[in-house]
Amino acid sequence: MSTGKGFFVTGTDTGVGKTAVSCALLHAFAAQGSRVIGMKPIAAGSENGQWSDVEQLLTASNVTATRGQVNPYAFDPPVSPHLAAHQAGTEIDLAAIRQAYRALGSKADIVIVEGAGGFLVPVNPQQTGADLARLLSLPVILVVGMRLGCLNHALLTVQAIRAAGLPLAGWVANCIDPRMQAVAENVATLAQRLDGALLGVMPFDPAMNLQKSGDLLNIVTLRDYV
């Protein structure tokens, strides 16, 4: 049985726009005729009984799956996954996430897996987001939140991705701070130093129409992985 292909979307930090970029990727691949679905293995931080990142991924997908497959673990407090799970009296099992991923891959051509927080965020007492990406054997797409300090954060994250033995399939510069100076120069610096393709620069736009966000990304190079 085919398990499809996928990408693991991580970020230089929490709150840098992983969900927006994941949705943009879903729309971009869907526009090219692919069956796509988003997955948020671990969601921490609910509002009125909903997890907004999960809802956005479901809306951007064109394949239907159970919520338990799309989001195996959901916690109310907006804290690190291992702390949220401990407070809930449970422990995150990466094998269960892999099983859910395989179920999604049997239905879709491409699964976009959005990590929690940064690449090395703890998910249980022994493992991190890097262990999850490695277990799923997925190429990584890095979302760089463009703000002061992003160069160091991006370069350190890429080192961690390489240390995990995973390829950096591409990266996206997401302009999250409208006050940031020398944005173009910072993007150029990263383009020179990162070995993955620059997929796009997403402008600062809190009201961005996610259905059109796929137009901002150039996913041609990602076809080498699918």
N, C-alpha and C. Protein backbone atom coordinates (compact mmCIF):
# COMPACT_ATOMS: atom_id res chain seq x y z
N MET A 1 0.85 -1.20 0.00
CA MET A 1 0.00 0.00 0.00
C MET A 1 0.88 1.25 0.00
N SER A 2 0.58 2.17 -0.88
CA SER A 2 1.36 3.41 -0.95
C SER A 2 1.13 4.25 0.29
N THR A 3 2.21 4.90 0.76
CA THR A 3 2.07 5.79 1.91
C THR A 3 2.31 7.23 1.51
N GLY A 4 2.29 7.52 0.23
CA GLY A 4 2.43 8.90 -0.22
C GLY A 4 3.78 9.48 0.10
N LYS A 5 3.90 10.77 -0.10
CA LYS A 5 5.12 11.51 0.18
C LYS A 5 4.76 12.67 1.10
N GLY A 6 5.77 13.28 1.67
CA GLY A 6 5.47 14.39 2.56
C GLY A 6 6.66 15.27 2.85
N PHE A 7 6.38 16.31 3.64
CA PHE A 7 7.40 17.24 4.10
C PHE A 7 7.13 17.56 5.57
N PHE A 8 8.20 17.79 6.29
CA PHE A 8 8.09 18.19 7.69
C PHE A 8 8.41 19.68 7.78
N VAL A 9 7.43 20.46 8.23
CA VAL A 9 7.60 21.91 8.31
C VAL A 9 7.98 22.28 9.74
N THR A 10 9.15 22.87 9.89
CA THR A 10 9.60 23.33 11.19
C THR A 10 9.89 24.82 11.12
N GLY A 11 10.21 25.41 12.27
CA GLY A 11 10.46 26.85 12.30
C GLY A 11 11.65 27.20 13.15
N THR A 12 12.11 28.42 12.99
CA THR A 12 13.21 28.91 13.81
C THR A 12 12.78 29.15 15.26
N ASP A 13 11.48 29.13 15.50
CA ASP A 13 10.95 29.35 16.84
C ASP A 13 9.46 29.07 16.77
N THR A 14 8.77 29.22 17.89
CA THR A 14 7.32 29.16 17.86
C THR A 14 6.79 30.52 17.41
N GLY A 15 5.62 30.53 16.80
CA GLY A 15 5.00 31.77 16.38
C GLY A 15 5.65 32.43 15.17
N VAL A 16 6.31 31.65 14.32
CA VAL A 16 6.97 32.23 13.15
C VAL A 16 6.20 31.99 11.85
N GLY A 17 5.03 31.36 11.95
CA GLY A 17 4.20 31.19 10.76
C GLY A 17 4.26 29.82 10.11
N LYS A 18 4.51 28.79 10.90
CA LYS A 18 4.55 27.44 10.32
C LYS A 18 3.21 27.05 9.72
N THR A 19 2.13 27.42 10.40
CA THR A 19 0.80 27.05 9.90
C THR A 19 0.50 27.78 8.59
N ALA A 20 0.81 29.06 8.52
CA ALA A 20 0.57 29.82 7.29
C ALA A 20 1.35 29.22 6.13
N VAL A 21 2.60 28.87 6.36
CA VAL A 21 3.42 28.28 5.30
C VAL A 21 2.93 26.88 4.95
N SER A 22 2.54 26.09 5.95
CA SER A 22 2.00 24.76 5.68
C SER A 22 0.76 24.84 4.81
N CYS A 23 -0.12 25.80 5.12
CA CYS A 23 -1.33 25.98 4.30
C CYS A 23 -0.97 26.44 2.89
N ALA A 24 0.01 27.32 2.79
CA ALA A 24 0.44 27.79 1.47
C ALA A 24 0.97 26.62 0.64
N LEU A 25 1.72 25.73 1.27
CA LEU A 25 2.22 24.54 0.57
C LEU A 25 1.08 23.65 0.11
N LEU A 26 0.09 23.45 0.98
CA LEU A 26 -1.06 22.64 0.62
C LEU A 26 -1.78 23.23 -0.59
N HIS A 27 -2.01 24.54 -0.58
CA HIS A 27 -2.70 25.18 -1.70
C HIS A 27 -1.86 25.11 -2.97
N ALA A 28 -0.54 25.27 -2.84
CA ALA A 28 0.33 25.25 -4.02
C ALA A 28 0.34 23.87 -4.67
N PHE A 29 0.47 22.83 -3.88
CA PHE A 29 0.46 21.47 -4.44
C PHE A 29 -0.91 21.10 -4.99
N ALA A 30 -1.97 21.52 -4.29
CA ALA A 30 -3.32 21.23 -4.76
C ALA A 30 -3.58 21.90 -6.10
N ALA A 31 -3.05 23.11 -6.29
CA ALA A 31 -3.23 23.83 -7.55
C ALA A 31 -2.58 23.10 -8.72
N GLN A 32 -1.62 22.23 -8.41
CA GLN A 32 -0.96 21.45 -9.44
C GLN A 32 -1.57 20.06 -9.59
N GLY A 33 -2.69 19.84 -8.94
CA GLY A 33 -3.44 18.60 -9.13
C GLY A 33 -3.17 17.49 -8.13
N SER A 34 -2.43 17.78 -7.06
CA SER A 34 -2.12 16.75 -6.08
C SER A 34 -3.22 16.63 -5.03
N ARG A 35 -3.38 15.42 -4.54
CA ARG A 35 -4.24 15.20 -3.37
C ARG A 35 -3.39 15.50 -2.14
N VAL A 36 -3.82 16.45 -1.35
CA VAL A 36 -2.98 16.92 -0.25
C VAL A 36 -3.75 16.93 1.07
N ILE A 37 -3.00 16.75 2.14
CA ILE A 37 -3.60 16.86 3.46
C ILE A 37 -2.54 17.35 4.44
N GLY A 38 -2.96 18.19 5.37
CA GLY A 38 -2.08 18.68 6.41
C GLY A 38 -2.20 17.85 7.67
N MET A 39 -1.11 17.77 8.41
CA MET A 39 -1.10 17.02 9.66
C MET A 39 -0.43 17.86 10.74
N LYS A 40 -1.03 17.93 11.89
CA LYS A 40 -0.46 18.60 13.06
C LYS A 40 -0.37 17.54 14.15
N PRO A 41 0.73 16.80 14.21
CA PRO A 41 0.80 15.69 15.16
C PRO A 41 0.56 16.10 16.60
N ILE A 42 1.10 17.28 16.98
CA ILE A 42 0.97 17.73 18.36
C ILE A 42 0.54 19.20 18.35
N ALA A 43 -0.60 19.49 18.93
CA ALA A 43 -1.09 20.86 19.04
C ALA A 43 -1.20 21.21 20.51
N ALA A 44 -0.63 22.34 20.88
CA ALA A 44 -0.69 22.79 22.27
C ALA A 44 -1.15 24.24 22.30
N GLY A 45 -2.28 24.48 22.94
CA GLY A 45 -2.82 25.83 23.01
C GLY A 45 -4.16 25.92 22.30
N SER A 46 -5.24 25.80 23.04
CA SER A 46 -6.58 25.86 22.45
C SER A 46 -7.26 27.16 22.82
N GLU A 47 -8.27 27.52 22.03
CA GLU A 47 -9.09 28.69 22.30
C GLU A 47 -10.53 28.34 22.00
N ASN A 48 -11.36 28.44 23.01
CA ASN A 48 -12.78 28.09 22.87
C ASN A 48 -12.96 26.66 22.36
N GLY A 49 -12.11 25.77 22.85
CA GLY A 49 -12.24 24.36 22.50
C GLY A 49 -11.72 24.00 21.12
N GLN A 50 -11.01 24.90 20.47
CA GLN A 50 -10.48 24.62 19.14
C GLN A 50 -8.99 24.95 19.07
N TRP A 51 -8.32 24.27 18.18
CA TRP A 51 -6.91 24.52 17.92
C TRP A 51 -6.82 25.13 16.52
N SER A 52 -6.52 26.43 16.45
CA SER A 52 -6.64 27.16 15.19
C SER A 52 -5.74 26.61 14.10
N ASP A 53 -4.53 26.15 14.47
CA ASP A 53 -3.64 25.63 13.44
C ASP A 53 -4.20 24.35 12.83
N VAL A 54 -4.82 23.51 13.65
CA VAL A 54 -5.44 22.30 13.13
C VAL A 54 -6.60 22.64 12.19
N GLU A 55 -7.43 23.61 12.60
CA GLU A 55 -8.57 24.00 11.77
C GLU A 55 -8.11 24.55 10.42
N GLN A 56 -7.05 25.35 10.43
CA GLN A 56 -6.55 25.92 9.19
C GLN A 56 -6.00 24.85 8.26
N LEU A 57 -5.30 23.87 8.81
CA LEU A 57 -4.79 22.78 7.99
C LEU A 57 -5.92 21.95 7.39
N LEU A 58 -6.94 21.69 8.18
CA LEU A 58 -8.10 20.94 7.67
C LEU A 58 -8.76 21.68 6.51
N THR A 59 -8.90 23.00 6.66
CA THR A 59 -9.53 23.80 5.62
C THR A 59 -8.71 23.82 4.34
N ALA A 60 -7.38 23.83 4.48
CA ALA A 60 -6.51 23.92 3.31
C ALA A 60 -6.32 22.58 2.61
N SER A 61 -6.74 21.48 3.22
CA SER A 61 -6.57 20.15 2.65
C SER A 61 -7.70 19.84 1.67
N ASN A 62 -7.41 19.00 0.68
CA ASN A 62 -8.48 18.56 -0.24
C ASN A 62 -8.75 17.06 -0.11
N VAL A 63 -8.23 16.46 0.96
CA VAL A 63 -8.47 15.06 1.29
C VAL A 63 -9.08 15.01 2.69
N THR A 64 -10.06 14.14 2.86
CA THR A 64 -10.73 14.01 4.16
C THR A 64 -10.12 12.89 4.99
N ALA A 65 -9.92 13.16 6.25
CA ALA A 65 -9.40 12.15 7.18
C ALA A 65 -10.00 12.43 8.54
N THR A 66 -9.84 11.51 9.46
CA THR A 66 -10.36 11.71 10.80
C THR A 66 -9.50 12.74 11.53
N ARG A 67 -10.10 13.42 12.47
CA ARG A 67 -9.35 14.42 13.24
C ARG A 67 -8.23 13.74 14.04
N GLY A 68 -8.47 12.53 14.49
CA GLY A 68 -7.45 11.81 15.24
C GLY A 68 -6.23 11.50 14.40
N GLN A 69 -6.41 11.31 13.09
CA GLN A 69 -5.27 11.08 12.21
C GLN A 69 -4.54 12.38 11.92
N VAL A 70 -5.29 13.45 11.71
CA VAL A 70 -4.68 14.74 11.42
C VAL A 70 -3.98 15.30 12.65
N ASN A 71 -4.58 15.09 13.81
CA ASN A 71 -4.05 15.68 15.05
C ASN A 71 -4.14 14.65 16.19
N PRO A 72 -3.16 13.73 16.26
CA PRO A 72 -3.22 12.68 17.28
C PRO A 72 -3.17 13.21 18.72
N TYR A 73 -2.45 14.32 18.94
CA TYR A 73 -2.32 14.84 20.30
C TYR A 73 -2.70 16.32 20.33
N ALA A 74 -3.65 16.66 21.19
CA ALA A 74 -4.09 18.05 21.35
C ALA A 74 -4.19 18.37 22.83
N PHE A 75 -3.57 19.47 23.22
CA PHE A 75 -3.53 19.87 24.62
C PHE A 75 -3.99 21.32 24.76
N ASP A 76 -4.62 21.62 25.87
CA ASP A 76 -5.15 22.97 26.08
C ASP A 76 -4.09 24.03 26.37
N PRO A 77 -3.16 23.80 27.30
CA PRO A 77 -2.23 24.88 27.64
C PRO A 77 -1.20 25.15 26.54
N PRO A 78 -0.88 26.41 26.27
CA PRO A 78 0.11 26.76 25.25
C PRO A 78 1.53 26.67 25.80
N VAL A 79 1.97 25.44 26.05
CA VAL A 79 3.30 25.20 26.59
C VAL A 79 3.98 24.12 25.76
N SER A 80 5.25 23.87 26.06
CA SER A 80 5.99 22.84 25.34
C SER A 80 5.24 21.51 25.37
N PRO A 81 5.27 20.74 24.27
CA PRO A 81 4.49 19.50 24.20
C PRO A 81 4.73 18.55 25.36
N HIS A 82 5.99 18.39 25.79
CA HIS A 82 6.24 17.43 26.87
C HIS A 82 5.62 17.89 28.18
N LEU A 83 5.57 19.21 28.41
CA LEU A 83 4.95 19.74 29.62
C LEU A 83 3.43 19.62 29.53
N ALA A 84 2.87 19.93 28.35
CA ALA A 84 1.42 19.83 28.17
C ALA A 84 0.95 18.39 28.35
N ALA A 85 1.71 17.44 27.81
CA ALA A 85 1.34 16.04 27.94
C ALA A 85 1.43 15.60 29.41
N HIS A 86 2.47 16.04 30.09
CA HIS A 86 2.62 15.69 31.51
C HIS A 86 1.45 16.23 32.33
N GLN A 87 1.05 17.47 32.05
CA GLN A 87 -0.09 18.04 32.76
C GLN A 87 -1.37 17.27 32.49
N ALA A 88 -1.46 16.68 31.29
CA ALA A 88 -2.65 15.93 30.92
C ALA A 88 -2.58 14.47 31.39
N GLY A 89 -1.46 14.10 32.00
CA GLY A 89 -1.32 12.75 32.51
C GLY A 89 -1.05 11.71 31.45
N THR A 90 -0.39 12.13 30.38
CA THR A 90 -0.09 11.19 29.30
C THR A 90 1.33 11.43 28.80
N GLU A 91 1.76 10.63 27.84
CA GLU A 91 3.07 10.80 27.23
C GLU A 91 2.92 10.64 25.73
N ILE A 92 3.53 11.51 24.97
CA ILE A 92 3.43 11.48 23.51
C ILE A 92 4.23 10.30 22.96
N ASP A 93 3.56 9.47 22.18
CA ASP A 93 4.16 8.27 21.59
C ASP A 93 4.39 8.52 20.10
N LEU A 94 5.65 8.64 19.69
CA LEU A 94 5.96 8.94 18.30
C LEU A 94 5.54 7.82 17.36
N ALA A 95 5.51 6.58 17.85
CA ALA A 95 5.07 5.48 17.00
C ALA A 95 3.60 5.64 16.62
N ALA A 96 2.79 6.16 17.54
CA ALA A 96 1.37 6.40 17.24
C ALA A 96 1.23 7.49 16.19
N ILE A 97 2.10 8.50 16.25
CA ILE A 97 2.08 9.56 15.24
C ILE A 97 2.47 8.99 13.88
N ARG A 98 3.48 8.13 13.85
CA ARG A 98 3.88 7.53 12.58
C ARG A 98 2.74 6.70 11.99
N GLN A 99 2.01 6.00 12.82
CA GLN A 99 0.88 5.21 12.32
C GLN A 99 -0.18 6.12 11.70
N ALA A 100 -0.46 7.25 12.35
CA ALA A 100 -1.44 8.19 11.81
C ALA A 100 -0.93 8.79 10.50
N TYR A 101 0.36 9.10 10.43
CA TYR A 101 0.95 9.64 9.20
C TYR A 101 0.81 8.65 8.05
N ARG A 102 1.05 7.39 8.32
CA ARG A 102 0.94 6.39 7.27
C ARG A 102 -0.50 6.27 6.77
N ALA A 103 -1.46 6.41 7.69
CA ALA A 103 -2.87 6.38 7.29
C ALA A 103 -3.20 7.55 6.37
N LEU A 104 -2.66 8.72 6.69
CA LEU A 104 -2.89 9.89 5.83
C LEU A 104 -2.20 9.69 4.48
N GLY A 105 -0.99 9.13 4.51
CA GLY A 105 -0.26 8.92 3.26
C GLY A 105 -0.92 7.94 2.33
N SER A 106 -1.77 7.06 2.86
CA SER A 106 -2.49 6.11 2.00
C SER A 106 -3.65 6.78 1.27
N LYS A 107 -4.01 8.00 1.72
CA LYS A 107 -5.14 8.71 1.11
C LYS A 107 -4.70 9.87 0.23
N ALA A 108 -3.50 10.39 0.48
CA ALA A 108 -3.06 11.61 -0.21
C ALA A 108 -1.74 11.38 -0.93
N ASP A 109 -1.50 12.23 -1.93
CA ASP A 109 -0.22 12.20 -2.63
C ASP A 109 0.87 12.85 -1.79
N ILE A 110 0.50 13.91 -1.08
CA ILE A 110 1.47 14.68 -0.30
C ILE A 110 0.86 15.02 1.06
N VAL A 111 1.62 14.74 2.11
CA VAL A 111 1.21 15.08 3.48
C VAL A 111 2.17 16.15 3.99
N ILE A 112 1.62 17.28 4.40
CA ILE A 112 2.41 18.35 4.99
C ILE A 112 2.29 18.24 6.50
N VAL A 113 3.40 17.87 7.16
CA VAL A 113 3.40 17.65 8.60
C VAL A 113 3.98 18.89 9.27
N GLU A 114 3.16 19.56 10.05
CA GLU A 114 3.63 20.76 10.76
C GLU A 114 4.09 20.39 12.16
N GLY A 115 5.36 20.65 12.44
CA GLY A 115 5.90 20.37 13.76
C GLY A 115 5.37 21.35 14.80
N ALA A 116 5.72 21.06 16.05
CA ALA A 116 5.34 21.94 17.16
C ALA A 116 6.55 22.76 17.57
N GLY A 117 6.39 24.07 17.67
CA GLY A 117 7.50 24.91 18.11
C GLY A 117 8.69 24.82 17.18
N GLY A 118 9.90 24.82 17.73
CA GLY A 118 11.11 24.69 16.94
C GLY A 118 11.50 23.23 16.75
N PHE A 119 12.57 23.01 16.00
CA PHE A 119 12.95 21.66 15.58
C PHE A 119 13.33 20.78 16.77
N LEU A 120 13.94 21.34 17.79
CA LEU A 120 14.42 20.54 18.92
C LEU A 120 13.52 20.64 20.14
N VAL A 121 12.28 21.06 19.98
CA VAL A 121 11.38 21.16 21.12
C VAL A 121 11.15 19.76 21.71
N PRO A 122 11.23 19.62 23.03
CA PRO A 122 10.97 18.30 23.64
C PRO A 122 9.51 17.88 23.44
N VAL A 123 9.31 16.60 23.07
CA VAL A 123 7.95 16.09 22.91
C VAL A 123 7.61 15.05 23.98
N ASN A 124 8.62 14.48 24.60
CA ASN A 124 8.43 13.60 25.75
C ASN A 124 9.76 13.61 26.52
N PRO A 125 9.88 12.89 27.62
CA PRO A 125 11.10 13.00 28.42
C PRO A 125 12.39 12.64 27.69
N GLN A 126 12.29 11.87 26.60
CA GLN A 126 13.49 11.42 25.91
C GLN A 126 13.67 12.01 24.50
N GLN A 127 12.60 12.43 23.85
CA GLN A 127 12.65 12.75 22.42
C GLN A 127 12.24 14.18 22.11
N THR A 128 12.63 14.62 20.91
CA THR A 128 12.33 15.98 20.46
C THR A 128 11.64 15.94 19.10
N GLY A 129 11.32 17.13 18.59
CA GLY A 129 10.75 17.22 17.26
C GLY A 129 11.66 16.65 16.20
N ALA A 130 12.96 16.72 16.42
CA ALA A 130 13.92 16.13 15.47
C ALA A 130 13.74 14.62 15.37
N ASP A 131 13.46 13.98 16.50
CA ASP A 131 13.24 12.53 16.49
C ASP A 131 11.98 12.18 15.71
N LEU A 132 10.96 13.03 15.81
CA LEU A 132 9.73 12.80 15.05
C LEU A 132 10.00 12.92 13.55
N ALA A 133 10.68 13.98 13.14
CA ALA A 133 10.98 14.16 11.72
C ALA A 133 11.82 13.00 11.19
N ARG A 134 12.76 12.53 12.00
CA ARG A 134 13.62 11.42 11.59
C ARG A 134 12.82 10.12 11.50
N LEU A 135 11.90 9.91 12.44
CA LEU A 135 11.08 8.71 12.42
C LEU A 135 10.20 8.66 11.17
N LEU A 136 9.70 9.83 10.76
CA LEU A 136 8.86 9.90 9.56
C LEU A 136 9.69 9.92 8.29
N SER A 137 11.01 10.11 8.42
CA SER A 137 11.94 10.14 7.28
C SER A 137 11.53 11.16 6.23
N LEU A 138 11.23 12.37 6.71
CA LEU A 138 10.73 13.40 5.81
C LEU A 138 11.78 14.48 5.55
N PRO A 139 11.86 14.97 4.31
CA PRO A 139 12.65 16.17 4.06
C PRO A 139 12.01 17.35 4.78
N VAL A 140 12.85 18.29 5.18
CA VAL A 140 12.40 19.38 6.05
C VAL A 140 12.27 20.69 5.28
N ILE A 141 11.23 21.43 5.57
CA ILE A 141 11.07 22.80 5.09
C ILE A 141 11.13 23.71 6.31
N LEU A 142 12.02 24.67 6.26
CA LEU A 142 12.26 25.56 7.40
C LEU A 142 11.57 26.90 7.19
N VAL A 143 10.76 27.32 8.16
CA VAL A 143 10.16 28.65 8.15
C VAL A 143 11.03 29.56 9.01
N VAL A 144 11.59 30.57 8.39
CA VAL A 144 12.43 31.52 9.10
C VAL A 144 11.59 32.75 9.42
N GLY A 145 11.35 32.97 10.70
CA GLY A 145 10.63 34.18 11.10
C GLY A 145 11.58 35.36 11.00
N MET A 146 11.32 36.26 10.03
CA MET A 146 12.24 37.35 9.76
C MET A 146 12.10 38.42 10.84
N ARG A 147 13.05 38.39 11.76
CA ARG A 147 13.14 39.38 12.82
C ARG A 147 14.59 39.39 13.30
N LEU A 148 14.92 40.35 14.11
CA LEU A 148 16.28 40.46 14.62
C LEU A 148 16.67 39.15 15.32
N GLY A 149 17.81 38.58 14.93
CA GLY A 149 18.25 37.32 15.49
C GLY A 149 17.98 36.13 14.62
N CYS A 150 17.25 36.32 13.51
CA CYS A 150 16.83 35.19 12.69
C CYS A 150 18.00 34.48 12.00
N LEU A 151 19.08 35.21 11.72
CA LEU A 151 20.21 34.56 11.04
C LEU A 151 20.78 33.45 11.92
N ASN A 152 21.05 33.77 13.16
CA ASN A 152 21.58 32.78 14.09
C ASN A 152 20.60 31.63 14.28
N HIS A 153 19.33 31.96 14.47
CA HIS A 153 18.32 30.92 14.70
C HIS A 153 18.21 29.99 13.49
N ALA A 154 18.24 30.56 12.29
CA ALA A 154 18.12 29.75 11.08
C ALA A 154 19.33 28.84 10.90
N LEU A 155 20.52 29.39 11.09
CA LEU A 155 21.73 28.60 10.89
C LEU A 155 21.85 27.48 11.93
N LEU A 156 21.48 27.77 13.17
CA LEU A 156 21.51 26.73 14.19
C LEU A 156 20.49 25.64 13.89
N THR A 157 19.31 26.03 13.43
CA THR A 157 18.27 25.04 13.12
C THR A 157 18.72 24.14 11.98
N VAL A 158 19.34 24.72 10.97
CA VAL A 158 19.82 23.91 9.84
C VAL A 158 20.91 22.94 10.30
N GLN A 159 21.76 23.37 11.22
CA GLN A 159 22.75 22.44 11.78
C GLN A 159 22.05 21.25 12.44
N ALA A 160 20.98 21.52 13.17
CA ALA A 160 20.25 20.45 13.84
C ALA A 160 19.59 19.52 12.83
N ILE A 161 19.06 20.09 11.75
CA ILE A 161 18.44 19.28 10.69
C ILE A 161 19.48 18.35 10.07
N ARG A 162 20.64 18.89 9.78
CA ARG A 162 21.72 18.06 9.21
C ARG A 162 22.16 16.99 10.19
N ALA A 163 22.25 17.35 11.47
CA ALA A 163 22.67 16.38 12.48
C ALA A 163 21.67 15.23 12.59
N ALA A 164 20.41 15.51 12.27
CA ALA A 164 19.38 14.47 12.28
C ALA A 164 19.43 13.60 11.04
N GLY A 165 20.31 13.95 10.10
CA GLY A 165 20.45 13.17 8.87
C GLY A 165 19.35 13.40 7.86
N LEU A 166 18.69 14.56 7.94
CA LEU A 166 17.57 14.87 7.05
C LEU A 166 17.95 15.98 6.08
N PRO A 167 17.40 15.95 4.87
CA PRO A 167 17.69 17.01 3.91
C PRO A 167 16.85 18.25 4.16
N LEU A 168 17.44 19.42 3.94
CA LEU A 168 16.68 20.66 3.95
C LEU A 168 16.14 20.86 2.54
N ALA A 169 14.86 20.56 2.35
CA ALA A 169 14.28 20.63 1.02
C ALA A 169 14.11 22.08 0.56
N GLY A 170 13.91 22.98 1.50
CA GLY A 170 13.72 24.39 1.15
C GLY A 170 13.41 25.19 2.40
N TRP A 171 13.35 26.49 2.22
CA TRP A 171 13.04 27.37 3.34
C TRP A 171 12.22 28.55 2.85
N VAL A 172 11.47 29.12 3.79
CA VAL A 172 10.60 30.25 3.49
C VAL A 172 10.93 31.38 4.45
N ALA A 173 11.13 32.57 3.91
CA ALA A 173 11.33 33.76 4.73
C ALA A 173 9.96 34.37 5.01
N ASN A 174 9.53 34.34 6.26
CA ASN A 174 8.22 34.87 6.63
C ASN A 174 8.40 36.16 7.42
N CYS A 175 7.95 37.25 6.85
CA CYS A 175 8.17 38.58 7.44
C CYS A 175 7.17 38.83 8.56
N ILE A 176 7.55 38.45 9.77
CA ILE A 176 6.63 38.54 10.91
C ILE A 176 6.77 39.84 11.69
N ASP A 177 7.84 40.59 11.44
CA ASP A 177 8.08 41.84 12.16
C ASP A 177 8.16 43.00 11.17
N PRO A 178 7.12 43.81 11.08
CA PRO A 178 7.12 44.91 10.10
C PRO A 178 8.18 45.97 10.40
N ARG A 179 8.76 45.94 11.59
CA ARG A 179 9.77 46.94 11.96
C ARG A 179 11.19 46.45 11.65
N MET A 180 11.33 45.24 11.18
CA MET A 180 12.67 44.72 10.93
C MET A 180 13.37 45.51 9.84
N GLN A 181 14.62 45.82 10.07
CA GLN A 181 15.43 46.54 9.10
C GLN A 181 16.23 45.56 8.24
N ALA A 182 16.58 46.00 7.03
CA ALA A 182 17.45 45.22 6.11
C ALA A 182 16.91 43.82 5.86
N VAL A 183 15.61 43.73 5.60
CA VAL A 183 15.01 42.42 5.35
C VAL A 183 15.64 41.76 4.12
N ALA A 184 15.73 42.49 3.02
CA ALA A 184 16.28 41.91 1.79
C ALA A 184 17.71 41.44 1.99
N GLU A 185 18.48 42.21 2.73
CA GLU A 185 19.87 41.83 2.98
C GLU A 185 19.96 40.57 3.85
N ASN A 186 19.06 40.45 4.81
CA ASN A 186 19.04 39.25 5.64
C ASN A 186 18.62 38.02 4.83
N VAL A 187 17.64 38.19 3.97
CA VAL A 187 17.22 37.08 3.10
C VAL A 187 18.38 36.66 2.20
N ALA A 188 19.08 37.64 1.65
CA ALA A 188 20.22 37.33 0.78
C ALA A 188 21.32 36.60 1.53
N THR A 189 21.56 36.99 2.78
CA THR A 189 22.57 36.32 3.60
C THR A 189 22.21 34.86 3.81
N LEU A 190 20.95 34.60 4.11
CA LEU A 190 20.52 33.22 4.32
C LEU A 190 20.56 32.42 3.01
N ALA A 191 20.17 33.04 1.93
CA ALA A 191 20.20 32.35 0.63
C ALA A 191 21.61 31.91 0.28
N GLN A 192 22.58 32.70 0.71
CA GLN A 192 23.98 32.37 0.44
C GLN A 192 24.48 31.23 1.32
N ARG A 193 23.93 31.12 2.53
CA ARG A 193 24.48 30.19 3.51
C ARG A 193 23.67 28.90 3.69
N LEU A 194 22.41 28.90 3.29
CA LEU A 194 21.59 27.70 3.44
C LEU A 194 21.62 26.88 2.16
N ASP A 195 21.70 25.56 2.29
CA ASP A 195 21.81 24.72 1.11
C ASP A 195 20.46 24.33 0.52
N GLY A 196 19.37 24.70 1.17
CA GLY A 196 18.04 24.43 0.63
C GLY A 196 17.56 25.60 -0.21
N ALA A 197 16.61 25.32 -1.09
CA ALA A 197 16.09 26.36 -1.99
C ALA A 197 15.21 27.35 -1.24
N LEU A 198 15.33 28.62 -1.58
CA LEU A 198 14.41 29.63 -1.07
C LEU A 198 13.09 29.49 -1.84
N LEU A 199 12.05 29.08 -1.14
CA LEU A 199 10.76 28.82 -1.78
C LEU A 199 9.92 30.08 -1.94
N GLY A 200 10.22 31.09 -1.14
CA GLY A 200 9.46 32.33 -1.24
C GLY A 200 9.65 33.22 -0.04
N VAL A 201 9.25 34.47 -0.21
CA VAL A 201 9.26 35.45 0.86
C VAL A 201 7.82 35.88 1.10
N MET A 202 7.30 35.59 2.27
CA MET A 202 5.92 35.93 2.58
C MET A 202 5.89 37.28 3.30
N PRO A 203 5.15 38.24 2.76
CA PRO A 203 5.12 39.59 3.35
C PRO A 203 4.37 39.62 4.67
N PHE A 204 4.61 40.68 5.43
CA PHE A 204 3.85 40.86 6.67
C PHE A 204 2.42 41.21 6.30
N ASP A 205 1.49 40.32 6.63
CA ASP A 205 0.09 40.52 6.28
C ASP A 205 -0.78 39.67 7.21
N PRO A 206 -1.17 40.23 8.36
CA PRO A 206 -1.98 39.47 9.32
C PRO A 206 -3.31 38.99 8.74
N ALA A 207 -3.80 39.65 7.70
CA ALA A 207 -5.09 39.29 7.11
C ALA A 207 -4.91 38.51 5.81
N MET A 208 -3.79 37.84 5.65
CA MET A 208 -3.51 37.14 4.40
C MET A 208 -4.59 36.11 4.07
N ASN A 209 -5.00 36.10 2.82
CA ASN A 209 -5.96 35.11 2.33
C ASN A 209 -5.19 33.81 2.08
N LEU A 210 -5.37 32.83 2.97
CA LEU A 210 -4.59 31.61 2.86
C LEU A 210 -4.89 30.84 1.58
N GLN A 211 -6.07 31.02 0.99
CA GLN A 211 -6.38 30.33 -0.25
C GLN A 211 -5.51 30.81 -1.40
N LYS A 212 -5.00 32.03 -1.29
CA LYS A 212 -4.13 32.56 -2.33
C LYS A 212 -2.66 32.53 -1.94
N SER A 213 -2.38 32.06 -0.72
CA SER A 213 -1.01 32.10 -0.23
C SER A 213 -0.08 31.18 -1.01
N GLY A 214 -0.63 30.14 -1.61
CA GLY A 214 0.20 29.23 -2.39
C GLY A 214 0.87 29.91 -3.56
N ASP A 215 0.27 31.02 -4.03
CA ASP A 215 0.86 31.75 -5.16
C ASP A 215 2.19 32.40 -4.78
N LEU A 216 2.46 32.52 -3.47
CA LEU A 216 3.68 33.18 -3.01
C LEU A 216 4.88 32.23 -2.99
N LEU A 217 4.64 30.93 -3.17
CA LEU A 217 5.71 29.95 -3.06
C LEU A 217 6.04 29.32 -4.41
N ASN A 218 7.32 29.09 -4.63
CA ASN A 218 7.78 28.39 -5.82
C ASN A 218 8.16 26.97 -5.41
N ILE A 219 7.30 26.02 -5.70
CA ILE A 219 7.50 24.65 -5.21
C ILE A 219 8.14 23.74 -6.26
N VAL A 220 8.64 24.32 -7.35
CA VAL A 220 9.21 23.51 -8.42
C VAL A 220 10.30 22.59 -7.90
N THR A 221 11.20 23.11 -7.09
CA THR A 221 12.32 22.29 -6.61
C THR A 221 11.83 21.18 -5.67
N LEU A 222 10.68 21.36 -5.04
CA LEU A 222 10.19 20.35 -4.12
C LEU A 222 9.72 19.10 -4.86
N ARG A 223 9.46 19.23 -6.15
CA ARG A 223 9.01 18.07 -6.93
C ARG A 223 10.09 17.00 -6.99
N ASP A 224 11.34 17.36 -6.75
CA ASP A 224 12.41 16.37 -6.71
C ASP A 224 12.22 15.38 -5.56
N TYR A 225 11.43 15.79 -4.56
CA TYR A 225 11.22 14.93 -3.38
C TYR A 225 9.91 14.15 -3.45
N VAL A 226 9.07 14.45 -4.41
CA VAL A 226 7.78 13.77 -4.49
C VAL A 226 7.58 13.09 -5.84
